């Protein structure tokens, strides 16, 4: 994996943790209202696995997923990227929303890279 500064590592992990928490809350809320949770569940699992992959790569923490799960998670996360890029394009330079989405995009790209390294 390419050399990443400690600041980017920290911001990426915080971004993924935030995304995981938001998806967890959405899943809980949707479950309570009887909404279809399939997409949120897939994204929640993919973000969780991605977070574990980065922590495993950078902090030496355990990572115990097989190739099929990694590939599925990679595909789900790649599917999120275009919508984040659209949100970035619509947001104002320097806005908090833009910063949040820039960090989220960086984190997702680093997760995908860490998945690719695990599949080699």
N, C-alpha and C. Protein backbone atom coordinates (compact mmCIF):
# COMPACT_ATOMS: atom_id res chain seq x y z
N UNK A 1 0.84 -1.18 0.00
CA UNK A 1 0.00 0.00 0.00
C UNK A 1 0.89 1.24 0.00
N UNK A 2 0.45 2.25 -0.73
CA UNK A 2 1.28 3.46 -0.82
C UNK A 2 1.47 4.09 0.55
N UNK A 3 2.50 4.89 0.66
CA UNK A 3 2.82 5.55 1.91
C UNK A 3 1.78 6.62 2.20
N UNK A 4 1.14 6.55 3.36
CA UNK A 4 0.09 7.48 3.75
C UNK A 4 0.49 8.12 5.07
N UNK A 5 0.32 9.44 5.16
CA UNK A 5 0.69 10.14 6.39
C UNK A 5 -0.19 9.70 7.55
N UNK A 6 0.32 9.88 8.75
CA UNK A 6 -0.45 9.52 9.94
C UNK A 6 -1.74 10.32 10.02
N UNK A 7 -1.70 11.58 9.60
CA UNK A 7 -2.90 12.42 9.61
C UNK A 7 -3.98 11.84 8.71
N UNK A 8 -3.60 11.42 7.50
CA UNK A 8 -4.58 10.83 6.57
C UNK A 8 -5.11 9.53 7.13
N UNK A 9 -4.23 8.73 7.74
CA UNK A 9 -4.68 7.48 8.36
C UNK A 9 -5.73 7.77 9.43
N UNK A 10 -5.43 8.71 10.32
CA UNK A 10 -6.34 9.03 11.41
C UNK A 10 -7.67 9.57 10.89
N UNK A 11 -7.60 10.48 9.92
CA UNK A 11 -8.82 11.06 9.35
C UNK A 11 -9.65 10.01 8.61
N UNK A 12 -8.98 9.09 7.94
CA UNK A 12 -9.69 8.05 7.21
C UNK A 12 -10.41 7.10 8.16
N UNK A 13 -9.74 6.73 9.22
CA UNK A 13 -10.38 5.83 10.20
C UNK A 13 -11.55 6.54 10.87
N UNK A 14 -11.38 7.80 11.24
CA UNK A 14 -12.49 8.56 11.84
C UNK A 14 -13.65 8.69 10.87
N UNK A 15 -13.36 8.93 9.60
CA UNK A 15 -14.40 9.05 8.59
C UNK A 15 -15.19 7.76 8.45
N UNK A 16 -14.47 6.64 8.40
CA UNK A 16 -15.15 5.35 8.28
C UNK A 16 -15.95 5.01 9.53
N UNK A 17 -15.42 5.36 10.70
CA UNK A 17 -16.17 5.13 11.93
C UNK A 17 -17.45 5.95 11.94
N UNK A 18 -17.36 7.19 11.48
CA UNK A 18 -18.54 8.05 11.39
C UNK A 18 -19.56 7.48 10.40
N UNK A 19 -19.07 7.04 9.25
CA UNK A 19 -19.95 6.45 8.25
C UNK A 19 -20.62 5.19 8.79
N UNK A 20 -19.85 4.37 9.50
CA UNK A 20 -20.40 3.16 10.10
C UNK A 20 -21.51 3.50 11.10
N UNK A 21 -21.27 4.52 11.94
CA UNK A 21 -22.28 4.92 12.93
C UNK A 21 -23.54 5.45 12.26
N UNK A 22 -23.39 6.23 11.21
CA UNK A 22 -24.55 6.76 10.48
C UNK A 22 -25.34 5.63 9.84
N UNK A 23 -24.64 4.68 9.25
CA UNK A 23 -25.33 3.53 8.65
C UNK A 23 -26.00 2.67 9.71
N UNK A 24 -25.37 2.51 10.86
CA UNK A 24 -25.97 1.74 11.96
C UNK A 24 -27.26 2.39 12.42
N UNK A 25 -27.23 3.71 12.56
CA UNK A 25 -28.44 4.44 12.98
C UNK A 25 -29.53 4.33 11.92
N UNK A 26 -29.14 4.44 10.65
CA UNK A 26 -30.11 4.32 9.56
C UNK A 26 -30.73 2.93 9.55
N UNK A 27 -29.89 1.91 9.74
CA UNK A 27 -30.38 0.54 9.76
C UNK A 27 -31.39 0.33 10.89
N UNK A 28 -31.04 0.83 12.06
CA UNK A 28 -31.94 0.69 13.22
C UNK A 28 -33.26 1.39 12.96
N UNK A 29 -33.19 2.60 12.46
CA UNK A 29 -34.39 3.38 12.17
C UNK A 29 -35.26 2.70 11.11
N UNK A 30 -34.63 2.21 10.06
CA UNK A 30 -35.37 1.56 8.98
C UNK A 30 -35.99 0.25 9.45
N UNK A 31 -35.30 -0.46 10.31
CA UNK A 31 -35.82 -1.71 10.85
C UNK A 31 -37.07 -1.43 11.68
N UNK A 32 -37.03 -0.37 12.48
CA UNK A 32 -38.16 -0.01 13.33
C UNK A 32 -39.38 0.39 12.51
N UNK A 33 -39.16 1.00 11.36
CA UNK A 33 -40.29 1.44 10.53
C UNK A 33 -40.71 0.40 9.50
N UNK A 34 -40.00 -0.71 9.45
CA UNK A 34 -40.35 -1.77 8.51
C UNK A 34 -39.88 -1.53 7.09
N UNK A 35 -38.95 -0.62 6.91
CA UNK A 35 -38.42 -0.32 5.57
C UNK A 35 -37.47 -1.42 5.11
N UNK A 36 -37.24 -1.47 3.81
CA UNK A 36 -36.29 -2.43 3.25
C UNK A 36 -34.87 -2.00 3.63
N UNK A 37 -34.15 -2.88 4.30
CA UNK A 37 -32.82 -2.55 4.81
C UNK A 37 -31.69 -3.21 4.03
N UNK A 38 -31.98 -3.85 2.92
CA UNK A 38 -30.97 -4.63 2.20
C UNK A 38 -29.75 -3.79 1.82
N UNK A 39 -29.98 -2.65 1.19
CA UNK A 39 -28.85 -1.81 0.74
C UNK A 39 -28.05 -1.27 1.92
N UNK A 40 -28.75 -0.79 2.94
CA UNK A 40 -28.06 -0.25 4.11
C UNK A 40 -27.25 -1.35 4.79
N UNK A 41 -27.81 -2.54 4.88
CA UNK A 41 -27.10 -3.67 5.51
C UNK A 41 -25.82 -4.00 4.72
N UNK A 42 -25.91 -4.03 3.39
CA UNK A 42 -24.72 -4.32 2.57
C UNK A 42 -23.64 -3.27 2.79
N UNK A 43 -24.06 -1.99 2.80
CA UNK A 43 -23.10 -0.91 2.99
C UNK A 43 -22.50 -0.94 4.39
N UNK A 44 -23.33 -1.21 5.37
CA UNK A 44 -22.87 -1.30 6.75
C UNK A 44 -21.80 -2.38 6.90
N UNK A 45 -22.07 -3.55 6.34
CA UNK A 45 -21.10 -4.65 6.41
C UNK A 45 -19.81 -4.31 5.66
N UNK A 46 -19.95 -3.69 4.48
CA UNK A 46 -18.77 -3.35 3.68
C UNK A 46 -17.90 -2.31 4.39
N UNK A 47 -18.53 -1.31 5.00
CA UNK A 47 -17.76 -0.29 5.73
C UNK A 47 -17.07 -0.92 6.94
N UNK A 48 -17.76 -1.81 7.64
CA UNK A 48 -17.17 -2.49 8.81
C UNK A 48 -15.93 -3.28 8.39
N UNK A 49 -16.05 -4.03 7.31
CA UNK A 49 -14.93 -4.84 6.82
C UNK A 49 -13.81 -3.93 6.32
N UNK A 50 -14.16 -2.85 5.66
CA UNK A 50 -13.16 -1.89 5.19
C UNK A 50 -12.40 -1.25 6.34
N UNK A 51 -13.13 -0.89 7.37
CA UNK A 51 -12.49 -0.32 8.56
C UNK A 51 -11.53 -1.32 9.19
N UNK A 52 -11.96 -2.56 9.29
CA UNK A 52 -11.07 -3.60 9.85
C UNK A 52 -9.86 -3.83 8.96
N UNK A 53 -10.03 -3.72 7.64
CA UNK A 53 -8.91 -3.90 6.73
C UNK A 53 -7.86 -2.80 6.93
N UNK A 54 -8.32 -1.55 7.02
CA UNK A 54 -7.37 -0.45 7.23
C UNK A 54 -6.68 -0.57 8.58
N UNK A 55 -7.44 -0.86 9.61
CA UNK A 55 -6.84 -1.02 10.94
C UNK A 55 -5.85 -2.18 10.95
N UNK A 56 -6.18 -3.23 10.22
CA UNK A 56 -5.27 -4.37 10.13
C UNK A 56 -3.98 -4.00 9.41
N UNK A 57 -4.12 -3.26 8.32
CA UNK A 57 -2.96 -2.85 7.53
C UNK A 57 -2.08 -1.87 8.30
N UNK A 58 -2.69 -0.88 8.92
CA UNK A 58 -1.93 0.20 9.54
C UNK A 58 -1.56 -0.06 11.00
N UNK A 59 -2.38 -0.81 11.72
CA UNK A 59 -2.16 -0.98 13.15
C UNK A 59 -1.83 -2.42 13.53
N UNK A 60 -1.75 -3.29 12.53
CA UNK A 60 -1.43 -4.68 12.80
C UNK A 60 -2.55 -5.45 13.48
N UNK A 61 -3.79 -4.94 13.37
CA UNK A 61 -4.92 -5.63 13.98
C UNK A 61 -5.35 -6.80 13.10
N UNK A 62 -6.03 -7.74 13.70
CA UNK A 62 -6.43 -8.96 13.00
C UNK A 62 -7.45 -8.66 11.90
N UNK A 63 -7.31 -9.37 10.79
CA UNK A 63 -8.25 -9.27 9.68
C UNK A 63 -8.50 -10.68 9.18
N UNK A 64 -9.74 -11.15 9.26
CA UNK A 64 -10.02 -12.55 9.06
C UNK A 64 -11.12 -12.84 8.05
N UNK A 65 -11.13 -12.16 6.94
CA UNK A 65 -12.17 -12.36 5.94
C UNK A 65 -11.61 -13.07 4.71
N UNK A 66 -12.46 -13.88 4.07
CA UNK A 66 -12.02 -14.60 2.89
C UNK A 66 -12.19 -13.74 1.63
N UNK A 67 -11.66 -14.26 0.54
CA UNK A 67 -11.62 -13.53 -0.72
C UNK A 67 -13.01 -13.11 -1.21
N UNK A 68 -13.98 -13.98 -1.08
CA UNK A 68 -15.34 -13.67 -1.55
C UNK A 68 -15.93 -12.47 -0.81
N UNK A 69 -15.76 -12.44 0.49
CA UNK A 69 -16.29 -11.33 1.29
C UNK A 69 -15.56 -10.04 0.96
N UNK A 70 -14.25 -10.13 0.77
CA UNK A 70 -13.46 -8.94 0.40
C UNK A 70 -13.92 -8.40 -0.95
N UNK A 71 -14.11 -9.29 -1.92
CA UNK A 71 -14.55 -8.86 -3.25
C UNK A 71 -15.94 -8.21 -3.20
N UNK A 72 -16.84 -8.80 -2.45
CA UNK A 72 -18.19 -8.25 -2.31
C UNK A 72 -18.14 -6.88 -1.66
N UNK A 73 -17.36 -6.74 -0.60
CA UNK A 73 -17.24 -5.46 0.09
C UNK A 73 -16.62 -4.41 -0.82
N UNK A 74 -15.62 -4.80 -1.56
CA UNK A 74 -14.97 -3.88 -2.51
C UNK A 74 -15.98 -3.36 -3.53
N UNK A 75 -16.79 -4.27 -4.06
CA UNK A 75 -17.80 -3.90 -5.06
C UNK A 75 -18.83 -2.93 -4.48
N UNK A 76 -19.29 -3.20 -3.26
CA UNK A 76 -20.27 -2.33 -2.61
C UNK A 76 -19.68 -0.93 -2.41
N UNK A 77 -18.45 -0.86 -1.91
CA UNK A 77 -17.83 0.44 -1.65
C UNK A 77 -17.54 1.19 -2.95
N UNK A 78 -17.14 0.48 -3.99
CA UNK A 78 -16.93 1.14 -5.28
C UNK A 78 -18.24 1.74 -5.79
N UNK A 79 -19.35 1.12 -5.46
CA UNK A 79 -20.66 1.63 -5.88
C UNK A 79 -21.06 2.91 -5.18
N UNK A 80 -20.47 3.19 -4.04
CA UNK A 80 -20.78 4.40 -3.28
C UNK A 80 -20.01 5.61 -3.83
N UNK A 81 -18.86 5.37 -4.39
CA UNK A 81 -17.96 6.46 -4.80
C UNK A 81 -18.60 7.46 -5.77
N UNK A 82 -19.31 7.03 -6.82
CA UNK A 82 -19.89 8.04 -7.74
C UNK A 82 -20.83 9.03 -7.05
N UNK A 83 -21.62 8.57 -6.09
CA UNK A 83 -22.53 9.50 -5.42
C UNK A 83 -21.77 10.50 -4.55
N UNK A 84 -20.69 10.05 -3.94
CA UNK A 84 -19.87 10.97 -3.14
C UNK A 84 -19.21 12.00 -4.05
N UNK A 85 -18.72 11.56 -5.20
CA UNK A 85 -18.10 12.48 -6.15
C UNK A 85 -19.11 13.52 -6.64
N UNK A 86 -20.36 13.12 -6.85
CA UNK A 86 -21.40 14.08 -7.25
C UNK A 86 -21.67 15.08 -6.13
N UNK A 87 -21.69 14.61 -4.89
CA UNK A 87 -21.91 15.52 -3.76
C UNK A 87 -20.76 16.51 -3.64
N UNK A 88 -19.54 16.05 -3.88
CA UNK A 88 -18.38 16.93 -3.82
C UNK A 88 -18.49 18.00 -4.90
N UNK A 89 -18.88 17.59 -6.10
CA UNK A 89 -19.00 18.54 -7.22
C UNK A 89 -20.06 19.61 -6.95
N UNK A 90 -21.09 19.27 -6.22
CA UNK A 90 -22.18 20.21 -5.92
C UNK A 90 -21.87 21.12 -4.73
N UNK A 91 -20.93 20.72 -3.89
CA UNK A 91 -20.68 21.47 -2.66
C UNK A 91 -19.70 22.63 -2.90
N UNK A 92 -19.78 23.60 -2.01
CA UNK A 92 -18.91 24.77 -2.12
C UNK A 92 -17.52 24.44 -1.58
N UNK A 93 -16.52 25.00 -2.25
CA UNK A 93 -15.13 24.85 -1.83
C UNK A 93 -14.98 25.34 -0.39
N UNK A 94 -14.36 24.53 0.46
CA UNK A 94 -14.13 24.92 1.84
C UNK A 94 -15.28 24.66 2.79
N UNK A 95 -16.42 24.19 2.28
CA UNK A 95 -17.56 23.93 3.16
C UNK A 95 -17.32 22.67 3.99
N UNK A 96 -18.01 22.59 5.11
CA UNK A 96 -17.84 21.41 5.97
C UNK A 96 -18.33 20.15 5.26
N UNK A 97 -19.38 20.29 4.45
CA UNK A 97 -19.90 19.14 3.70
C UNK A 97 -18.86 18.63 2.71
N UNK A 98 -18.18 19.55 2.07
CA UNK A 98 -17.15 19.16 1.10
C UNK A 98 -15.99 18.46 1.80
N UNK A 99 -15.57 19.01 2.93
CA UNK A 99 -14.48 18.40 3.69
C UNK A 99 -14.86 16.98 4.12
N UNK A 100 -16.07 16.83 4.63
CA UNK A 100 -16.55 15.52 5.06
C UNK A 100 -16.53 14.52 3.90
N UNK A 101 -17.04 14.94 2.76
CA UNK A 101 -17.08 14.04 1.60
C UNK A 101 -15.71 13.79 1.00
N UNK A 102 -14.83 14.77 1.02
CA UNK A 102 -13.45 14.55 0.56
C UNK A 102 -12.77 13.49 1.42
N UNK A 103 -12.96 13.59 2.72
CA UNK A 103 -12.35 12.61 3.64
C UNK A 103 -12.97 11.22 3.43
N UNK A 104 -14.28 11.19 3.23
CA UNK A 104 -14.96 9.91 3.02
C UNK A 104 -14.45 9.26 1.72
N UNK A 105 -14.30 10.06 0.68
CA UNK A 105 -13.81 9.54 -0.60
C UNK A 105 -12.38 9.01 -0.46
N UNK A 106 -11.53 9.75 0.21
CA UNK A 106 -10.15 9.30 0.44
C UNK A 106 -10.15 7.98 1.20
N UNK A 107 -10.96 7.91 2.25
CA UNK A 107 -11.02 6.69 3.07
C UNK A 107 -11.48 5.49 2.25
N UNK A 108 -12.51 5.68 1.43
CA UNK A 108 -13.01 4.57 0.61
C UNK A 108 -11.97 4.11 -0.41
N UNK A 109 -11.27 5.05 -1.01
CA UNK A 109 -10.22 4.68 -1.97
C UNK A 109 -9.10 3.91 -1.28
N UNK A 110 -8.75 4.31 -0.06
CA UNK A 110 -7.71 3.60 0.68
C UNK A 110 -8.18 2.19 1.08
N UNK A 111 -9.45 2.06 1.43
CA UNK A 111 -10.00 0.74 1.75
C UNK A 111 -9.92 -0.16 0.52
N UNK A 112 -10.34 0.35 -0.61
CA UNK A 112 -10.31 -0.44 -1.85
C UNK A 112 -8.88 -0.87 -2.16
N UNK A 113 -7.92 0.03 -1.97
CA UNK A 113 -6.52 -0.31 -2.18
C UNK A 113 -6.07 -1.40 -1.20
N UNK A 114 -6.51 -1.29 0.05
CA UNK A 114 -6.11 -2.31 1.04
C UNK A 114 -6.74 -3.66 0.69
N UNK A 115 -7.97 -3.64 0.17
CA UNK A 115 -8.60 -4.90 -0.28
C UNK A 115 -7.81 -5.51 -1.42
N UNK A 116 -7.43 -4.68 -2.38
CA UNK A 116 -6.69 -5.18 -3.55
C UNK A 116 -5.36 -5.82 -3.11
N UNK A 117 -4.71 -5.22 -2.13
CA UNK A 117 -3.46 -5.77 -1.62
C UNK A 117 -3.67 -7.11 -0.92
N UNK A 118 -4.81 -7.29 -0.32
CA UNK A 118 -5.12 -8.56 0.36
C UNK A 118 -5.46 -9.66 -0.63
N UNK A 119 -5.86 -9.29 -1.83
CA UNK A 119 -6.26 -10.27 -2.85
C UNK A 119 -5.10 -10.74 -3.70
N UNK A 120 -3.95 -10.12 -3.53
CA UNK A 120 -2.77 -10.49 -4.34
C UNK A 120 -2.20 -11.81 -3.88
